[in-house]
Amino acid sequence: MDINETIKNQLAENPIILYMKGSPQAPQCGFSAKTSQALMACGERFAFVNILDNQELREGLKVYSSWPTYPQLYVNGELVGGCDIIMEMSENGELAALVKEAAKQAEA
C-alpha cells in the first residue's frame, strides 16, 4: 500500500485524528503539546499518529495536505490546521463545537 492510501485509510477510519510529534501523554514538541491539550479539553476521543515513528508518513502527509508543519488536525477527513489555528479555534469555542459534532456523527 502506498503512503497516500495509508493516509486515506487513517482519515476514513478516524473521524478525529491528530498527526503529531509524540503522543498526547508524551508530546515531543511544544506545538504538539499545546494542540493535543486543546483537543483533550474538548472531552471527546480522538486518534493520533506519532509522525516521528514513520519517516515515509511524515514526508508523505506534508505533500498530501500541502501543509509543511506538524501537528496537523483532521476532522471528518478534512485538514483543520496546525497549532496556531487550533489554539485560535479553541479560544473562540469553534474547536469544541467541531470536535463534538464529529464525535456525535461517528456514534450515529
N, C-alpha and C. Protein backbone atom coordinates (compact mmCIF):
# COMPACT_ATOMS: atom_id res chain seq x y z
N MET A 1 0.86 -1.18 0.00
CA MET A 1 0.00 0.00 0.00
C MET A 1 0.90 1.24 0.00
N ASP A 2 0.60 2.19 -0.87
CA ASP A 2 1.43 3.40 -0.88
C ASP A 2 1.00 4.35 0.24
N ILE A 3 1.82 5.34 0.49
CA ILE A 3 1.60 6.22 1.64
C ILE A 3 0.30 7.01 1.54
N ASN A 4 -0.10 7.40 0.33
CA ASN A 4 -1.37 8.12 0.19
C ASN A 4 -2.55 7.23 0.56
N GLU A 5 -2.47 5.94 0.21
CA GLU A 5 -3.54 5.01 0.60
C GLU A 5 -3.57 4.85 2.12
N THR A 6 -2.40 4.77 2.73
CA THR A 6 -2.33 4.68 4.19
C THR A 6 -2.99 5.88 4.84
N ILE A 7 -2.66 7.07 4.35
CA ILE A 7 -3.24 8.31 4.90
C ILE A 7 -4.75 8.31 4.70
N LYS A 8 -5.22 7.98 3.50
CA LYS A 8 -6.66 7.95 3.22
C LYS A 8 -7.37 6.98 4.15
N ASN A 9 -6.77 5.81 4.39
CA ASN A 9 -7.37 4.83 5.29
C ASN A 9 -7.44 5.35 6.72
N GLN A 10 -6.37 5.98 7.18
CA GLN A 10 -6.37 6.54 8.54
C GLN A 10 -7.45 7.61 8.68
N LEU A 11 -7.58 8.46 7.68
CA LEU A 11 -8.59 9.52 7.74
C LEU A 11 -10.00 8.94 7.68
N ALA A 12 -10.19 7.89 6.89
CA ALA A 12 -11.52 7.27 6.77
C ALA A 12 -11.92 6.55 8.06
N GLU A 13 -10.95 5.96 8.74
CA GLU A 13 -11.23 5.17 9.94
C GLU A 13 -11.35 6.00 11.22
N ASN A 14 -10.87 7.23 11.18
CA ASN A 14 -10.81 8.06 12.39
C ASN A 14 -11.42 9.43 12.12
N PRO A 15 -12.62 9.70 12.64
CA PRO A 15 -13.25 10.99 12.37
C PRO A 15 -12.46 12.17 12.93
N ILE A 16 -11.70 11.94 13.99
CA ILE A 16 -10.86 12.98 14.58
C ILE A 16 -9.48 12.38 14.76
N ILE A 17 -8.52 12.91 14.02
CA ILE A 17 -7.16 12.36 14.09
C ILE A 17 -6.14 13.48 14.07
N LEU A 18 -5.17 13.35 14.95
CA LEU A 18 -4.11 14.33 15.09
C LEU A 18 -2.79 13.69 14.72
N TYR A 19 -2.15 14.24 13.71
CA TYR A 19 -0.79 13.83 13.35
C TYR A 19 0.14 14.76 14.12
N MET A 20 0.96 14.17 14.98
CA MET A 20 1.75 14.97 15.90
C MET A 20 3.11 14.35 16.15
N LYS A 21 3.96 15.09 16.82
CA LYS A 21 5.25 14.58 17.25
C LYS A 21 5.09 14.06 18.67
N GLY A 22 5.19 12.74 18.82
CA GLY A 22 4.99 12.11 20.11
C GLY A 22 3.55 11.67 20.27
N SER A 23 3.10 11.62 21.52
CA SER A 23 1.73 11.23 21.84
C SER A 23 1.11 12.30 22.74
N PRO A 24 -0.22 12.28 22.89
CA PRO A 24 -0.83 13.28 23.79
C PRO A 24 -0.28 13.19 25.21
N GLN A 25 0.08 11.98 25.66
CA GLN A 25 0.61 11.80 27.01
C GLN A 25 2.10 12.15 27.08
N ALA A 26 2.81 12.09 25.95
CA ALA A 26 4.23 12.39 25.92
C ALA A 26 4.60 13.11 24.62
N PRO A 27 4.13 14.35 24.47
CA PRO A 27 4.42 15.09 23.24
C PRO A 27 5.92 15.36 23.11
N GLN A 28 6.37 15.40 21.85
CA GLN A 28 7.79 15.59 21.58
C GLN A 28 8.12 17.02 21.13
N CYS A 29 7.13 17.89 21.11
CA CYS A 29 7.39 19.31 20.81
C CYS A 29 6.29 20.15 21.44
N GLY A 30 6.59 21.40 21.65
CA GLY A 30 5.63 22.30 22.31
C GLY A 30 4.35 22.52 21.52
N PHE A 31 4.47 22.58 20.19
CA PHE A 31 3.28 22.78 19.37
C PHE A 31 2.34 21.58 19.45
N SER A 32 2.93 20.38 19.42
CA SER A 32 2.12 19.16 19.55
C SER A 32 1.49 19.10 20.94
N ALA A 33 2.22 19.53 21.96
CA ALA A 33 1.69 19.53 23.32
C ALA A 33 0.48 20.46 23.43
N LYS A 34 0.60 21.68 22.94
CA LYS A 34 -0.50 22.65 23.02
C LYS A 34 -1.72 22.16 22.24
N THR A 35 -1.48 21.63 21.05
CA THR A 35 -2.59 21.18 20.21
C THR A 35 -3.31 20.00 20.84
N SER A 36 -2.56 19.01 21.33
CA SER A 36 -3.21 17.84 21.93
C SER A 36 -3.95 18.22 23.21
N GLN A 37 -3.42 19.16 23.99
CA GLN A 37 -4.12 19.62 25.19
C GLN A 37 -5.43 20.31 24.83
N ALA A 38 -5.41 21.13 23.80
CA ALA A 38 -6.65 21.80 23.36
C ALA A 38 -7.67 20.78 22.90
N LEU A 39 -7.20 19.76 22.20
CA LEU A 39 -8.11 18.71 21.71
C LEU A 39 -8.65 17.89 22.88
N MET A 40 -7.80 17.53 23.83
CA MET A 40 -8.27 16.76 25.00
C MET A 40 -9.28 17.56 25.82
N ALA A 41 -9.14 18.87 25.85
CA ALA A 41 -10.06 19.71 26.61
C ALA A 41 -11.47 19.67 26.03
N CYS A 42 -11.61 19.23 24.78
CA CYS A 42 -12.93 19.12 24.17
C CYS A 42 -13.72 17.93 24.73
N GLY A 43 -13.03 17.00 25.36
CA GLY A 43 -13.70 15.90 26.03
C GLY A 43 -14.13 14.74 25.14
N GLU A 44 -13.65 14.69 23.92
CA GLU A 44 -14.02 13.60 23.02
C GLU A 44 -12.79 12.76 22.69
N ARG A 45 -13.03 11.50 22.38
CA ARG A 45 -11.93 10.62 21.99
C ARG A 45 -11.42 11.03 20.61
N PHE A 46 -10.12 10.90 20.42
CA PHE A 46 -9.53 11.16 19.12
C PHE A 46 -8.35 10.23 18.91
N ALA A 47 -8.06 9.98 17.66
CA ALA A 47 -6.90 9.16 17.32
C ALA A 47 -5.71 10.08 17.13
N PHE A 48 -4.52 9.50 17.26
CA PHE A 48 -3.32 10.26 16.97
C PHE A 48 -2.31 9.34 16.31
N VAL A 49 -1.42 9.96 15.55
CA VAL A 49 -0.32 9.24 14.92
C VAL A 49 0.96 10.00 15.24
N ASN A 50 1.93 9.28 15.79
CA ASN A 50 3.24 9.88 16.06
C ASN A 50 4.03 9.83 14.76
N ILE A 51 4.15 10.97 14.12
CA ILE A 51 4.81 11.02 12.81
C ILE A 51 6.32 10.81 12.93
N LEU A 52 6.86 10.86 14.13
CA LEU A 52 8.28 10.59 14.31
C LEU A 52 8.60 9.10 14.16
N ASP A 53 7.57 8.25 14.26
CA ASP A 53 7.75 6.80 14.12
C ASP A 53 7.81 6.34 12.67
N ASN A 54 7.44 7.21 11.73
CA ASN A 54 7.33 6.78 10.34
C ASN A 54 7.75 7.93 9.42
N GLN A 55 9.00 7.89 8.96
CA GLN A 55 9.53 8.96 8.13
C GLN A 55 8.76 9.09 6.82
N GLU A 56 8.36 7.95 6.23
CA GLU A 56 7.61 7.99 4.97
C GLU A 56 6.27 8.71 5.16
N LEU A 57 5.59 8.41 6.26
CA LEU A 57 4.32 9.08 6.56
C LEU A 57 4.56 10.56 6.84
N ARG A 58 5.60 10.85 7.58
CA ARG A 58 5.91 12.24 7.93
C ARG A 58 6.09 13.10 6.68
N GLU A 59 6.83 12.59 5.70
CA GLU A 59 7.05 13.34 4.46
C GLU A 59 5.83 13.29 3.55
N GLY A 60 5.19 12.12 3.47
CA GLY A 60 4.04 11.94 2.59
C GLY A 60 2.85 12.80 2.98
N LEU A 61 2.63 12.96 4.28
CA LEU A 61 1.50 13.76 4.75
C LEU A 61 1.68 15.23 4.41
N LYS A 62 2.91 15.71 4.42
CA LYS A 62 3.18 17.11 4.04
C LYS A 62 2.73 17.36 2.60
N VAL A 63 3.00 16.39 1.73
CA VAL A 63 2.61 16.51 0.33
C VAL A 63 1.10 16.36 0.19
N TYR A 64 0.54 15.36 0.87
CA TYR A 64 -0.90 15.08 0.81
C TYR A 64 -1.70 16.30 1.23
N SER A 65 -1.27 16.95 2.30
CA SER A 65 -2.04 18.05 2.89
C SER A 65 -1.64 19.42 2.35
N SER A 66 -0.51 19.49 1.68
CA SER A 66 0.07 20.79 1.29
C SER A 66 0.28 21.68 2.53
N TRP A 67 0.59 21.04 3.64
CA TRP A 67 0.82 21.74 4.91
C TRP A 67 2.18 21.27 5.42
N PRO A 68 3.16 22.16 5.53
CA PRO A 68 4.54 21.73 5.76
C PRO A 68 4.93 21.40 7.20
N THR A 69 4.06 21.70 8.17
CA THR A 69 4.47 21.55 9.56
C THR A 69 3.52 20.62 10.32
N TYR A 70 3.96 20.23 11.51
CA TYR A 70 3.16 19.41 12.43
C TYR A 70 3.04 20.16 13.74
N PRO A 71 1.93 19.94 14.42
CA PRO A 71 0.87 18.94 14.21
C PRO A 71 -0.11 19.35 13.10
N GLN A 72 -0.87 18.34 12.68
CA GLN A 72 -1.96 18.55 11.72
C GLN A 72 -3.20 17.84 12.26
N LEU A 73 -4.29 18.58 12.40
CA LEU A 73 -5.55 18.00 12.87
C LEU A 73 -6.50 17.83 11.70
N TYR A 74 -7.07 16.63 11.60
CA TYR A 74 -8.08 16.34 10.60
C TYR A 74 -9.38 15.98 11.30
N VAL A 75 -10.47 16.53 10.81
CA VAL A 75 -11.80 16.17 11.31
C VAL A 75 -12.65 15.80 10.11
N ASN A 76 -13.22 14.62 10.17
CA ASN A 76 -14.01 14.08 9.05
C ASN A 76 -13.25 14.13 7.73
N GLY A 77 -11.97 13.77 7.79
CA GLY A 77 -11.15 13.68 6.59
C GLY A 77 -10.63 14.98 6.05
N GLU A 78 -10.98 16.10 6.69
CA GLU A 78 -10.55 17.41 6.21
C GLU A 78 -9.50 18.00 7.15
N LEU A 79 -8.46 18.58 6.56
CA LEU A 79 -7.44 19.26 7.36
C LEU A 79 -8.05 20.50 8.00
N VAL A 80 -7.96 20.57 9.32
CA VAL A 80 -8.43 21.75 10.06
C VAL A 80 -7.29 22.75 10.16
N GLY A 81 -6.10 22.27 10.50
CA GLY A 81 -4.94 23.15 10.56
C GLY A 81 -3.93 22.68 11.57
N GLY A 82 -2.99 23.57 11.86
CA GLY A 82 -1.92 23.31 12.80
C GLY A 82 -2.16 24.01 14.13
N CYS A 83 -1.10 24.15 14.88
CA CYS A 83 -1.19 24.64 16.26
C CYS A 83 -1.86 26.01 16.36
N ASP A 84 -1.42 26.98 15.57
CA ASP A 84 -1.98 28.34 15.68
C ASP A 84 -3.47 28.37 15.42
N ILE A 85 -3.88 27.67 14.37
CA ILE A 85 -5.31 27.63 14.02
C ILE A 85 -6.11 26.92 15.11
N ILE A 86 -5.58 25.80 15.59
CA ILE A 86 -6.28 25.03 16.63
C ILE A 86 -6.41 25.85 17.91
N MET A 87 -5.35 26.56 18.28
CA MET A 87 -5.41 27.37 19.51
C MET A 87 -6.43 28.50 19.37
N GLU A 88 -6.48 29.12 18.21
CA GLU A 88 -7.47 30.18 17.98
C GLU A 88 -8.88 29.60 18.04
N MET A 89 -9.08 28.46 17.40
CA MET A 89 -10.40 27.81 17.43
C MET A 89 -10.78 27.38 18.85
N SER A 90 -9.79 26.93 19.61
CA SER A 90 -10.05 26.53 20.99
C SER A 90 -10.51 27.72 21.82
N GLU A 91 -9.85 28.84 21.64
CA GLU A 91 -10.18 30.04 22.42
C GLU A 91 -11.56 30.60 22.10
N ASN A 92 -11.98 30.48 20.82
CA ASN A 92 -13.28 31.06 20.47
C ASN A 92 -14.42 30.04 20.48
N GLY A 93 -14.13 28.81 20.89
CA GLY A 93 -15.18 27.80 21.02
C GLY A 93 -15.45 26.98 19.77
N GLU A 94 -14.84 27.33 18.65
CA GLU A 94 -15.08 26.60 17.40
C GLU A 94 -14.56 25.17 17.46
N LEU A 95 -13.42 24.96 18.12
CA LEU A 95 -12.83 23.63 18.15
C LEU A 95 -13.75 22.64 18.87
N ALA A 96 -14.23 23.01 20.04
CA ALA A 96 -15.11 22.11 20.80
C ALA A 96 -16.36 21.78 20.00
N ALA A 97 -16.95 22.77 19.35
CA ALA A 97 -18.15 22.54 18.55
C ALA A 97 -17.86 21.58 17.40
N LEU A 98 -16.75 21.79 16.71
CA LEU A 98 -16.38 20.94 15.58
C LEU A 98 -16.12 19.50 16.02
N VAL A 99 -15.37 19.35 17.09
CA VAL A 99 -15.00 18.02 17.59
C VAL A 99 -16.23 17.29 18.13
N LYS A 100 -17.06 17.97 18.88
CA LYS A 100 -18.26 17.33 19.43
C LYS A 100 -19.21 16.89 18.32
N GLU A 101 -19.36 17.70 17.30
CA GLU A 101 -20.22 17.33 16.17
C GLU A 101 -19.67 16.12 15.44
N ALA A 102 -18.36 16.07 15.22
CA ALA A 102 -17.75 14.93 14.54
C ALA A 102 -17.90 13.66 15.36
N ALA A 103 -17.73 13.77 16.68
CA ALA A 103 -17.88 12.61 17.56
C ALA A 103 -19.33 12.12 17.55
N LYS A 104 -20.27 13.07 17.56
CA LYS A 104 -21.70 12.71 17.52
C LYS A 104 -22.05 11.99 16.22
N GLN A 105 -21.55 12.49 15.10
CA GLN A 105 -21.80 11.86 13.81
C GLN A 105 -21.20 10.46 13.76
N ALA A 106 -20.03 10.28 14.36
CA ALA A 106 -19.35 8.99 14.34
C ALA A 106 -20.13 7.94 15.14
N GLU A 107 -20.83 8.37 16.17
CA GLU A 107 -21.60 7.46 17.01
C GLU A 107 -22.92 7.06 16.36
N ALA A 108 -23.43 7.90 15.46
CA ALA A 108 -24.73 7.66 14.85
C ALA A 108 -24.70 6.52 13.85
